Amino acid sequence: LSDQPASGGIPLYLFDYTRVLQRGNDGVFIAPQDARTTIDPNPEMLQGYLEGSNVNVMQEMARMVSNTRAFESSQKALTAYGKIGRQVAELGRIQ
């Protein structure tokens, strides 16, 4: 990835195989050192345009609600198991 574009602008790299890219922690894709790349000779960057979101808000809200309900159910189950454990401990006490 050491090639620089002739115009001195921002390079747009094209990968022969995009499957070699790995997603980094901050959402940036990382290419291995031996990845075969070329620089796009005619990249297009449009000033003043907004990039569309890659997130479906309604789907993510539904997932969040589902995860919240699953968490609450797990919490209730742990509380119930704790109560059962205390009751079993009381039954097992010798007086």
PDB file of N, CA and C in Angstrom:
ATOM      1  N   LEU A   1       0.816  -1.199   0.000  1.00  0.00           N
ATOM      2  CA  LEU A   1       0.000   0.000   0.000  1.00  0.00           C
ATOM      3  C   LEU A   1       0.857   1.260   0.000  1.00  0.00           C
ATOM      4  N   SER A   2       2.045   1.156  -0.497  1.00  0.00           N
ATOM      5  CA  SER A   2       2.952   2.290  -0.453  1.00  0.00           C
ATOM      6  C   SER A   2       2.816   3.201  -1.668  1.00  0.00           C
ATOM      7  N   ASP A   3       2.115   2.754  -2.711  1.00  0.00           N
ATOM      8  CA  ASP A   3       1.959   3.582  -3.907  1.00  0.00           C
ATOM      9  C   ASP A   3       1.154   4.827  -3.570  1.00  0.00           C
ATOM     10  N   GLN A   4       1.548   5.932  -4.134  1.00  0.00           N
ATOM     11  CA  GLN A   4       0.820   7.177  -3.950  1.00  0.00           C
ATOM     12  C   GLN A   4       0.245   7.607  -5.289  1.00  0.00           C
ATOM     13  N   PRO A   5      -0.899   8.248  -5.289  1.00  0.00           N
ATOM     14  CA  PRO A   5      -1.473   8.696  -6.551  1.00  0.00           C
ATOM     15  C   PRO A   5      -0.621   9.802  -7.159  1.00  0.00           C
ATOM     16  N   ALA A   6      -0.643   9.890  -8.497  1.00  0.00           N
ATOM     17  CA  ALA A   6       0.179  10.869  -9.200  1.00  0.00           C
ATOM     18  C   ALA A   6      -0.229  12.301  -8.864  1.00  0.00           C
ATOM     19  N   SER A   7      -1.502  12.534  -8.585  1.00  0.00           N
ATOM     20  CA  SER A   7      -1.977  13.898  -8.335  1.00  0.00           C
ATOM     21  C   SER A   7      -1.674  14.377  -6.922  1.00  0.00           C
ATOM     22  N   GLY A   8      -1.205  13.500  -6.045  1.00  0.00           N
ATOM     23  CA  GLY A   8      -0.933  13.877  -4.659  1.00  0.00           C
ATOM     24  C   GLY A   8      -2.197  13.917  -3.808  1.00  0.00           C
ATOM     25  N   GLY A   9      -3.303  13.407  -4.334  1.00  0.00           N
ATOM     26  CA  GLY A   9      -4.574  13.401  -3.611  1.00  0.00           C
ATOM     27  C   GLY A   9      -4.726  12.175  -2.738  1.00  0.00           C
ATOM     28  N   ILE A  10      -5.936  11.890  -2.385  1.00  0.00           N
ATOM     29  CA  ILE A  10      -6.247  10.735  -1.541  1.00  0.00           C
ATOM     30  C   ILE A  10      -6.349   9.505  -2.431  1.00  0.00           C
ATOM     31  N   PRO A  11      -5.559   8.462  -2.158  1.00  0.00           N
ATOM     32  CA  PRO A  11      -5.616   7.277  -3.022  1.00  0.00           C
ATOM     33  C   PRO A  11      -6.849   6.424  -2.727  1.00  0.00           C
ATOM     34  N   LEU A  12      -7.403   5.840  -3.766  1.00  0.00           N
ATOM     35  CA  LEU A  12      -8.492   4.882  -3.635  1.00  0.00           C
ATOM     36  C   LEU A  12      -7.944   3.546  -4.103  1.00  0.00           C
ATOM     37  N   TYR A  13      -7.749   2.627  -3.151  1.00  0.00           N
ATOM     38  CA  TYR A  13      -7.146   1.337  -3.460  1.00  0.00           C
ATOM     39  C   TYR A  13      -8.211   0.341  -3.889  1.00  0.00           C
ATOM     40  N   LEU A  14      -7.902  -0.430  -4.886  1.00  0.00           N
ATOM     41  CA  LEU A  14      -8.750  -1.514  -5.347  1.00  0.00           C
ATOM     42  C   LEU A  14      -8.053  -2.824  -4.999  1.00  0.00           C
ATOM     43  N   PHE A  15      -8.792  -3.752  -4.416  1.00  0.00           N
ATOM     44  CA  PHE A  15      -8.235  -5.040  -3.992  1.00  0.00           C
ATOM     45  C   PHE A  15      -8.696  -6.132  -4.928  1.00  0.00           C
ATOM     46  N   ASP A  16      -7.760  -7.017  -5.302  1.00  0.00           N
ATOM     47  CA  ASP A  16      -8.115  -8.158  -6.141  1.00  0.00           C
ATOM     48  C   ASP A  16      -9.109  -9.057  -5.412  1.00  0.00           C
ATOM     49  N   TYR A  17      -8.877  -9.252  -4.123  1.00  0.00           N
ATOM     50  CA  TYR A  17      -9.739 -10.093  -3.294  1.00  0.00           C
ATOM     51  C   TYR A  17     -10.077  -9.334  -2.020  1.00  0.00           C
ATOM     52  N   THR A  18     -11.312  -8.882  -1.894  1.00  0.00           N
ATOM     53  CA  THR A  18     -11.702  -8.114  -0.705  1.00  0.00           C
ATOM     54  C   THR A  18     -11.875  -9.008   0.522  1.00  0.00           C
ATOM     55  N   ARG A  19     -11.904 -10.311   0.326  1.00  0.00           N
ATOM     56  CA  ARG A  19     -12.060 -11.226   1.468  1.00  0.00           C
ATOM     57  C   ARG A  19     -10.842 -11.230   2.386  1.00  0.00           C
ATOM     58  N   VAL A  20      -9.718 -10.711   1.907  1.00  0.00           N
ATOM     59  CA  VAL A  20      -8.516 -10.690   2.743  1.00  0.00           C
ATOM     60  C   VAL A  20      -8.553  -9.540   3.750  1.00  0.00           C
ATOM     61  N   LEU A  21      -9.473  -8.604   3.567  1.00  0.00           N
ATOM     62  CA  LEU A  21      -9.569  -7.466   4.485  1.00  0.00           C
ATOM     63  C   LEU A  21     -10.172  -7.907   5.806  1.00  0.00           C
ATOM     64  N   GLN A  22      -9.647  -7.348   6.901  1.00  0.00           N
ATOM     65  CA  GLN A  22     -10.169  -7.646   8.227  1.00  0.00           C
ATOM     66  C   GLN A  22     -10.645  -6.347   8.851  1.00  0.00           C
ATOM     67  N   ARG A  23     -11.781  -6.414   9.554  1.00  0.00           N
ATOM     68  CA  ARG A  23     -12.343  -5.223  10.185  1.00  0.00           C
ATOM     69  C   ARG A  23     -11.578  -4.923  11.469  1.00  0.00           C
ATOM     70  N   GLY A  24     -11.109  -3.680  11.594  1.00  0.00           N
ATOM     71  CA  GLY A  24     -10.406  -3.248  12.795  1.00  0.00           C
ATOM     72  C   GLY A  24     -11.390  -2.836  13.875  1.00  0.00           C
ATOM     73  N   ASN A  25     -10.865  -2.477  15.042  1.00  0.00           N
ATOM     74  CA  ASN A  25     -11.717  -2.096  16.173  1.00  0.00           C
ATOM     75  C   ASN A  25     -12.542  -0.848  15.909  1.00  0.00           C
ATOM     76  N   ASP A  26     -12.013   0.079  15.133  1.00  0.00           N
ATOM     77  CA  ASP A  26     -12.705   1.340  14.913  1.00  0.00           C
ATOM     78  C   ASP A  26     -13.467   1.377  13.596  1.00  0.00           C
ATOM     79  N   GLY A  27     -13.760   0.208  13.013  1.00  0.00           N
ATOM     80  CA  GLY A  27     -14.530   0.144  11.786  1.00  0.00           C
ATOM     81  C   GLY A  27     -13.710   0.307  10.527  1.00  0.00           C
ATOM     82  N   VAL A  28     -12.412   0.452  10.652  1.00  0.00           N
ATOM     83  CA  VAL A  28     -11.530   0.587   9.499  1.00  0.00           C
ATOM     84  C   VAL A  28     -11.117  -0.803   9.042  1.00  0.00           C
ATOM     85  N   PHE A  29     -11.043  -0.993   7.728  1.00  0.00           N
ATOM     86  CA  PHE A  29     -10.594  -2.275   7.201  1.00  0.00           C
ATOM     87  C   PHE A  29      -9.072  -2.285   7.112  1.00  0.00           C
ATOM     88  N   ILE A  30      -8.480  -3.413   7.483  1.00  0.00           N
ATOM     89  CA  ILE A  30      -7.028  -3.563   7.498  1.00  0.00           C
ATOM     90  C   ILE A  30      -6.653  -4.644   6.492  1.00  0.00           C
ATOM     91  N   ALA A  31      -5.723  -4.308   5.613  1.00  0.00           N
ATOM     92  CA  ALA A  31      -5.269  -5.262   4.599  1.00  0.00           C
ATOM     93  C   ALA A  31      -3.952  -5.883   5.048  1.00  0.00           C
ATOM     94  N   PRO A  32      -3.767  -7.177   4.795  1.00  0.00           N
ATOM     95  CA  PRO A  32      -2.475  -7.790   5.107  1.00  0.00           C
ATOM     96  C   PRO A  32      -1.390  -7.209   4.204  1.00  0.00           C
ATOM     97  N   GLN A  33      -0.139  -7.334   4.626  1.00  0.00           N
ATOM     98  CA  GLN A  33       0.983  -6.755   3.884  1.00  0.00           C
ATOM     99  C   GLN A  33       1.084  -7.298   2.463  1.00  0.00           C
ATOM    100  N   ASP A  34       0.724  -8.567   2.255  1.00  0.00           N
ATOM    101  CA  ASP A  34       0.881  -9.181   0.937  1.00  0.00           C
ATOM    102  C   ASP A  34      -0.360  -9.047   0.049  1.00  0.00           C
ATOM    103  N   ALA A  35      -1.312  -8.203   0.441  1.00  0.00           N
ATOM    104  CA  ALA A  35      -2.528  -8.035  -0.360  1.00  0.00           C
ATOM    105  C   ALA A  35      -2.201  -7.350  -1.681  1.00  0.00           C
ATOM    106  N   ARG A  36      -2.753  -7.882  -2.759  1.00  0.00           N
ATOM    107  CA  ARG A  36      -2.515  -7.304  -4.086  1.00  0.00           C
ATOM    108  C   ARG A  36      -3.484  -6.153  -4.299  1.00  0.00           C
ATOM    109  N   THR A  37      -2.934  -4.965  -4.520  1.00  0.00           N
ATOM    110  CA  THR A  37      -3.763  -3.780  -4.702  1.00  0.00           C
ATOM    111  C   THR A  37      -3.324  -2.993  -5.927  1.00  0.00           C
ATOM    112  N   THR A  38      -4.234  -2.201  -6.407  1.00  0.00           N
ATOM    113  CA  THR A  38      -3.926  -1.206  -7.433  1.00  0.00           C
ATOM    114  C   THR A  38      -4.640   0.077  -7.028  1.00  0.00           C
ATOM    115  N   ILE A  39      -4.128   1.195  -7.507  1.00  0.00           N
ATOM    116  CA  ILE A  39      -4.789   2.465  -7.215  1.00  0.00           C
ATOM    117  C   ILE A  39      -5.727   2.772  -8.369  1.00  0.00           C
ATOM    118  N   ASP A  40      -6.960   3.130  -8.030  1.00  0.00           N
ATOM    119  CA  ASP A  40      -7.952   3.481  -9.046  1.00  0.00           C
ATOM    120  C   ASP A  40      -7.458   4.718  -9.795  1.00  0.00           C
ATOM    121  N   PRO A  41      -7.292   4.641 -11.114  1.00  0.00           N
ATOM    122  CA  PRO A  41      -6.769   5.787 -11.854  1.00  0.00           C
ATOM    123  C   PRO A  41      -7.758   6.949 -11.941  1.00  0.00           C
ATOM    124  N   ASN A  42      -9.047   6.666 -11.797  1.00  0.00           N
ATOM    125  CA  ASN A  42     -10.067   7.716 -11.891  1.00  0.00           C
ATOM    126  C   ASN A  42     -11.020   7.663 -10.701  1.00  0.00           C
ATOM    127  N   PRO A  43     -10.521   7.935  -9.490  1.00  0.00           N
ATOM    128  CA  PRO A  43     -11.423   7.879  -8.335  1.00  0.00           C
ATOM    129  C   PRO A  43     -12.413   9.036  -8.361  1.00  0.00           C
ATOM    130  N   GLU A  44     -13.550   8.828  -7.762  1.00  0.00           N
ATOM    131  CA  GLU A  44     -14.559   9.878  -7.692  1.00  0.00           C
ATOM    132  C   GLU A  44     -14.860  10.199  -6.246  1.00  0.00           C
ATOM    133  N   MET A  45     -14.650  11.437  -5.854  1.00  0.00           N
ATOM    134  CA  MET A  45     -15.054  11.938  -4.542  1.00  0.00           C
ATOM    135  C   MET A  45     -15.872  13.181  -4.799  1.00  0.00           C
ATOM    136  N   LEU A  46     -17.071  13.192  -4.280  1.00  0.00           N
ATOM    137  CA  LEU A  46     -17.962  14.306  -4.540  1.00  0.00           C
ATOM    138  C   LEU A  46     -18.078  15.174  -3.291  1.00  0.00           C
ATOM    139  N   GLN A  47     -17.770  16.419  -3.418  1.00  0.00           N
ATOM    140  CA  GLN A  47     -17.811  17.352  -2.302  1.00  0.00           C
ATOM    141  C   GLN A  47     -19.251  17.762  -2.015  1.00  0.00           C
ATOM    142  N   GLY A  48     -19.581  17.849  -0.741  1.00  0.00           N
ATOM    143  CA  GLY A  48     -20.905  18.313  -0.338  1.00  0.00           C
ATOM    144  C   GLY A  48     -21.946  17.215  -0.250  1.00  0.00           C
ATOM    145  N   TYR A  49     -21.596  15.977  -0.578  1.00  0.00           N
ATOM    146  CA  TYR A  49     -22.532  14.870  -0.505  1.00  0.00           C
ATOM    147  C   TYR A  49     -22.405  14.175   0.842  1.00  0.00           C
ATOM    148  N   LEU A  50     -23.484  13.615   1.307  1.00  0.00           N
ATOM    149  CA  LEU A  50     -23.464  12.858   2.548  1.00  0.00           C
ATOM    150  C   LEU A  50     -23.498  11.373   2.232  1.00  0.00           C
ATOM    151  N   GLU A  51     -22.707  10.629   2.954  1.00  0.00           N
ATOM    152  CA  GLU A  51     -22.698   9.177   2.774  1.00  0.00           C
ATOM    153  C   GLU A  51     -23.922   8.606   3.471  1.00  0.00           C
ATOM    154  N   GLY A  52     -24.556   7.672   2.818  1.00  0.00           N
ATOM    155  CA  GLY A  52     -25.723   7.034   3.411  1.00  0.00           C
ATOM    156  C   GLY A  52     -25.322   6.123   4.561  1.00  0.00           C
ATOM    157  N   SER A  53     -26.238   5.921   5.467  1.00  0.00           N
ATOM    158  CA  SER A  53     -25.975   5.070   6.621  1.00  0.00           C
ATOM    159  C   SER A  53     -25.990   3.604   6.208  1.00  0.00           C
ATOM    160  N   ASN A  54     -25.167   2.811   6.875  1.00  0.00           N
ATOM    161  CA  ASN A  54     -25.167   1.371   6.618  1.00  0.00           C
ATOM    162  C   ASN A  54     -25.894   0.636   7.741  1.00  0.00           C
ATOM    163  N   VAL A  55     -26.738   1.370   8.470  1.00  0.00           N
ATOM    164  CA  VAL A  55     -27.464   0.803   9.597  1.00  0.00           C
ATOM    165  C   VAL A  55     -28.963   0.979   9.361  1.00  0.00           C
ATOM    166  N   ASN A  56     -29.717  -0.084   9.565  1.00  0.00           N
ATOM    167  CA  ASN A  56     -31.168  -0.019   9.498  1.00  0.00           C
ATOM    168  C   ASN A  56     -31.663   0.266  10.910  1.00  0.00           C
ATOM    169  N   VAL A  57     -32.119   1.488  11.145  1.00  0.00           N
ATOM    170  CA  VAL A  57     -32.471   1.925  12.496  1.00  0.00           C
ATOM    171  C   VAL A  57     -33.582   1.065  13.090  1.00  0.00           C
ATOM    172  N   MET A  58     -34.609   0.764  12.313  1.00  0.00           N
ATOM    173  CA  MET A  58     -35.729  -0.022  12.839  1.00  0.00           C
ATOM    174  C   MET A  58     -35.286  -1.433  13.231  1.00  0.00           C
ATOM    175  N   GLN A  59     -34.441  -2.042  12.406  1.00  0.00           N
ATOM    176  CA  GLN A  59     -33.946  -3.384  12.715  1.00  0.00           C
ATOM    177  C   GLN A  59     -33.093  -3.364  13.980  1.00  0.00           C
ATOM    178  N   GLU A  60     -32.247  -2.363  14.125  1.00  0.00           N
ATOM    179  CA  GLU A  60     -31.388  -2.283  15.310  1.00  0.00           C
ATOM    180  C   GLU A  60     -32.202  -1.991  16.570  1.00  0.00           C
ATOM    181  N   MET A  61     -33.255  -1.184  16.462  1.00  0.00           N
ATOM    182  CA  MET A  61     -34.129  -0.932  17.619  1.00  0.00           C
ATOM    183  C   MET A  61     -34.832  -2.222  18.040  1.00  0.00           C
ATOM    184  N   ALA A  62     -35.307  -2.994  17.051  1.00  0.00           N
ATOM    185  CA  ALA A  62     -35.964  -4.264  17.364  1.00  0.00           C
ATOM    186  C   ALA A  62     -34.987  -5.219  18.047  1.00  0.00           C
ATOM    187  N   ARG A  63     -33.740  -5.258  17.570  1.00  0.00           N
ATOM    188  CA  ARG A  63     -32.721  -6.103  18.208  1.00  0.00           C
ATOM    189  C   ARG A  63     -32.435  -5.638  19.630  1.00  0.00           C
ATOM    190  N   MET A  64     -32.385  -4.324  19.824  1.00  0.00           N
ATOM    191  CA  MET A  64     -32.105  -3.787  21.159  1.00  0.00           C
ATOM    192  C   MET A  64     -33.221  -4.163  22.130  1.00  0.00           C
ATOM    193  N   VAL A  65     -34.476  -4.041  21.688  1.00  0.00           N
ATOM    194  CA  VAL A  65     -35.610  -4.410  22.540  1.00  0.00           C
ATOM    195  C   VAL A  65     -35.553  -5.904  22.856  1.00  0.00           C
ATOM    196  N   SER A  66     -35.255  -6.714  21.842  1.00  0.00           N
ATOM    197  CA  SER A  66     -35.157  -8.161  22.047  1.00  0.00           C
ATOM    198  C   SER A  66     -34.044  -8.503  23.041  1.00  0.00           C
ATOM    199  N   ASN A  67     -32.883  -7.866  22.887  1.00  0.00           N
ATOM    200  CA  ASN A  67     -31.773  -8.115  23.812  1.00  0.00           C
ATOM    201  C   ASN A  67     -32.090  -7.652  25.216  1.00  0.00           C
ATOM    202  N   THR A  68     -32.794  -6.529  25.335  1.00  0.00           N
ATOM    203  CA  THR A  68     -33.182  -6.027  26.660  1.00  0.00           C
ATOM    204  C   THR A  68     -34.113  -7.015  27.346  1.00  0.00           C
ATOM    205  N   ARG A  69     -35.080  -7.542  26.590  1.00  0.00           N
ATOM    206  CA  ARG A  69     -36.021  -8.523  27.165  1.00  0.00           C
ATOM    207  C   ARG A  69     -35.299  -9.806  27.568  1.00  0.00           C
ATOM    208  N   ALA A  70     -34.363 -10.254  26.742  1.00  0.00           N
ATOM    209  CA  ALA A  70     -33.600 -11.461  27.080  1.00  0.00           C
ATOM    210  C   ALA A  70     -32.770 -11.226  28.340  1.00  0.00           C
ATOM    211  N   PHE A  71     -32.175 -10.036  28.458  1.00  0.00           N
ATOM    212  CA  PHE A  71     -31.388  -9.716  29.652  1.00  0.00           C
ATOM    213  C   PHE A  71     -32.264  -9.705  30.895  1.00  0.00           C
ATOM    214  N   GLU A  72     -33.449  -9.076  30.784  1.00  0.00           N
ATOM    215  CA  GLU A  72     -34.357  -9.035  31.932  1.00  0.00           C
ATOM    216  C   GLU A  72     -34.812 -10.437  32.326  1.00  0.00           C
ATOM    217  N   SER A  73     -35.081 -11.292  31.345  1.00  0.00           N
ATOM    218  CA  SER A  73     -35.482 -12.676  31.639  1.00  0.00           C
ATOM    219  C   SER A  73     -34.358 -13.427  32.344  1.00  0.00           C
ATOM    220  N   SER A  74     -33.136 -13.232  31.881  1.00  0.00           N
ATOM    221  CA  SER A  74     -31.990 -13.883  32.521  1.00  0.00           C
ATOM    222  C   SER A  74     -31.813 -13.385  33.944  1.00  0.00           C
ATOM    223  N   GLN A  75     -32.021 -12.096  34.137  1.00  0.00           N
ATOM    224  CA  GLN A  75     -31.897 -11.514  35.471  1.00  0.00           C
ATOM    225  C   GLN A  75     -32.934 -12.118  36.422  1.00  0.00           C
ATOM    226  N   LYS A  76     -34.174 -12.261  35.940  1.00  0.00           N
ATOM    227  CA  LYS A  76     -35.236 -12.852  36.761  1.00  0.00           C
ATOM    228  C   LYS A  76     -34.926 -14.315  37.082  1.00  0.00           C
ATOM    229  N   ALA A  77     -34.387 -15.042  36.095  1.00  0.00           N
ATOM    230  CA  ALA A  77     -34.043 -16.442  36.328  1.00  0.00           C
ATOM    231  C   ALA A  77     -32.941 -16.562  37.377  1.00  0.00           C
ATOM    232  N   LEU A  78     -31.938 -15.703  37.322  1.00  0.00           N
ATOM    233  CA  LEU A  78     -30.867 -15.733  38.322  1.00  0.00           C
ATOM    234  C   LEU A  78     -31.395 -15.406  39.709  1.00  0.00           C
ATOM    235  N   THR A  79     -32.308 -14.455  39.784  1.00  0.00           N
ATOM    236  CA  THR A  79     -32.920 -14.121  41.078  1.00  0.00           C
ATOM    237  C   THR A  79     -33.692 -15.323  41.615  1.00  0.00           C
ATOM    238  N   ALA A  80     -34.450 -16.004  40.738  1.00  0.00           N
ATOM    239  CA  ALA A  80     -35.215 -17.176  41.166  1.00  0.00           C
ATOM    240  C   ALA A  80     -34.281 -18.291  41.631  1.00  0.00           C
ATOM    241  N   TYR A  81     -33.181 -18.523  40.895  1.00  0.00           N
ATOM    242  CA  TYR A  81     -32.219 -19.557  41.305  1.00  0.00           C
ATOM    243  C   TYR A  81     -31.580 -19.197  42.643  1.00  0.00           C
ATOM    244  N   GLY A  82     -31.350 -17.927  42.866  1.00  0.00           N
ATOM    245  CA  GLY A  82     -30.792 -17.494  44.152  1.00  0.00           C
ATOM    246  C   GLY A  82     -31.745 -17.787  45.299  1.00  0.00           C
ATOM    247  N   LYS A  83     -33.033 -17.517  45.085  1.00  0.00           N
ATOM    248  CA  LYS A  83     -34.041 -17.804  46.116  1.00  0.00           C
ATOM    249  C   LYS A  83     -34.133 -19.299  46.385  1.00  0.00           C
ATOM    250  N   ILE A  84     -34.112 -20.091  45.314  1.00  0.00           N
ATOM    251  CA  ILE A  84     -34.162 -21.554  45.476  1.00  0.00           C
ATOM    252  C   ILE A  84     -32.940 -22.031  46.247  1.00  0.00           C
ATOM    253  N   GLY A  85     -31.775 -21.493  45.933  1.00  0.00           N
ATOM    254  CA  GLY A  85     -30.552 -21.873  46.638  1.00  0.00           C
ATOM    255  C   GLY A  85     -30.624 -21.554  48.122  1.00  0.00           C
ATOM    256  N   ARG A  86     -31.190 -20.390  48.470  1.00  0.00           N
ATOM    257  CA  ARG A  86     -31.334 -20.035  49.890  1.00  0.00           C
ATOM    258  C   ARG A  86     -32.313 -20.969  50.593  1.00  0.00           C
ATOM    259  N   GLN A  87     -33.423 -21.320  49.900  1.00  0.00           N
ATOM    260  CA  GLN A  87     -34.403 -22.229  50.494  1.00  0.00           C
ATOM    261  C   GLN A  87     -33.819 -23.626  50.695  1.00  0.00           C
ATOM    262  N   VAL A  88     -33.029 -24.087  49.753  1.00  0.00           N
ATOM    263  CA  VAL A  88     -32.389 -25.403  49.876  1.00  0.00           C
ATOM    264  C   VAL A  88     -31.401 -25.378  51.033  1.00  0.00           C
ATOM    265  N   ALA A  89     -30.681 -24.273  51.188  1.00  0.00           N
ATOM    266  CA  ALA A  89     -29.723 -24.163  52.281  1.00  0.00           C
ATOM    267  C   ALA A  89     -30.456 -24.198  53.638  1.00  0.00           C
ATOM    268  N   GLU A  90     -31.608 -23.545  53.698  1.00  0.00           N
ATOM    269  CA  GLU A  90     -32.378 -23.575  54.953  1.00  0.00           C
ATOM    270  C   GLU A  90     -32.928 -24.945  55.251  1.00  0.00           C
ATOM    271  N   LEU A  91     -33.370 -25.674  54.223  1.00  0.00           N
ATOM    272  CA  LEU A  91     -33.884 -27.031  54.420  1.00  0.00           C
ATOM    273  C   LEU A  91     -32.781 -27.977  54.899  1.00  0.00           C
ATOM    274  N   GLY A  92     -31.574 -27.750  54.448  1.00  0.00           N
ATOM    275  CA  GLY A  92     -30.477 -28.641  54.790  1.00  0.00           C
ATOM    276  C   GLY A  92     -29.863 -28.359  56.156  1.00  0.00           C
ATOM    277  N   ARG A  93     -30.275 -27.264  56.795  1.00  0.00           N
ATOM    278  CA  ARG A  93     -29.697 -26.960  58.110  1.00  0.00           C
ATOM    279  C   ARG A  93     -30.188 -27.926  59.183  1.00  0.00           C
ATOM    280  N   ILE A  94     -29.274 -28.365  59.985  1.00  0.00           N
ATOM    281  CA  ILE A  94     -29.629 -29.255  61.100  1.00  0.00           C
ATOM    282  C   ILE A  94     -29.869 -28.389  62.324  1.00  0.00           C
ATOM    283  N   GLN A  95     -30.996 -28.611  62.963  1.00  0.00           N
ATOM    284  CA  GLN A  95     -31.303 -27.809  64.152  1.00  0.00           C
ATOM    285  C   GLN A  95     -31.150 -28.593  65.405  1.00  0.00           C
TER     286      GLN A  95
END
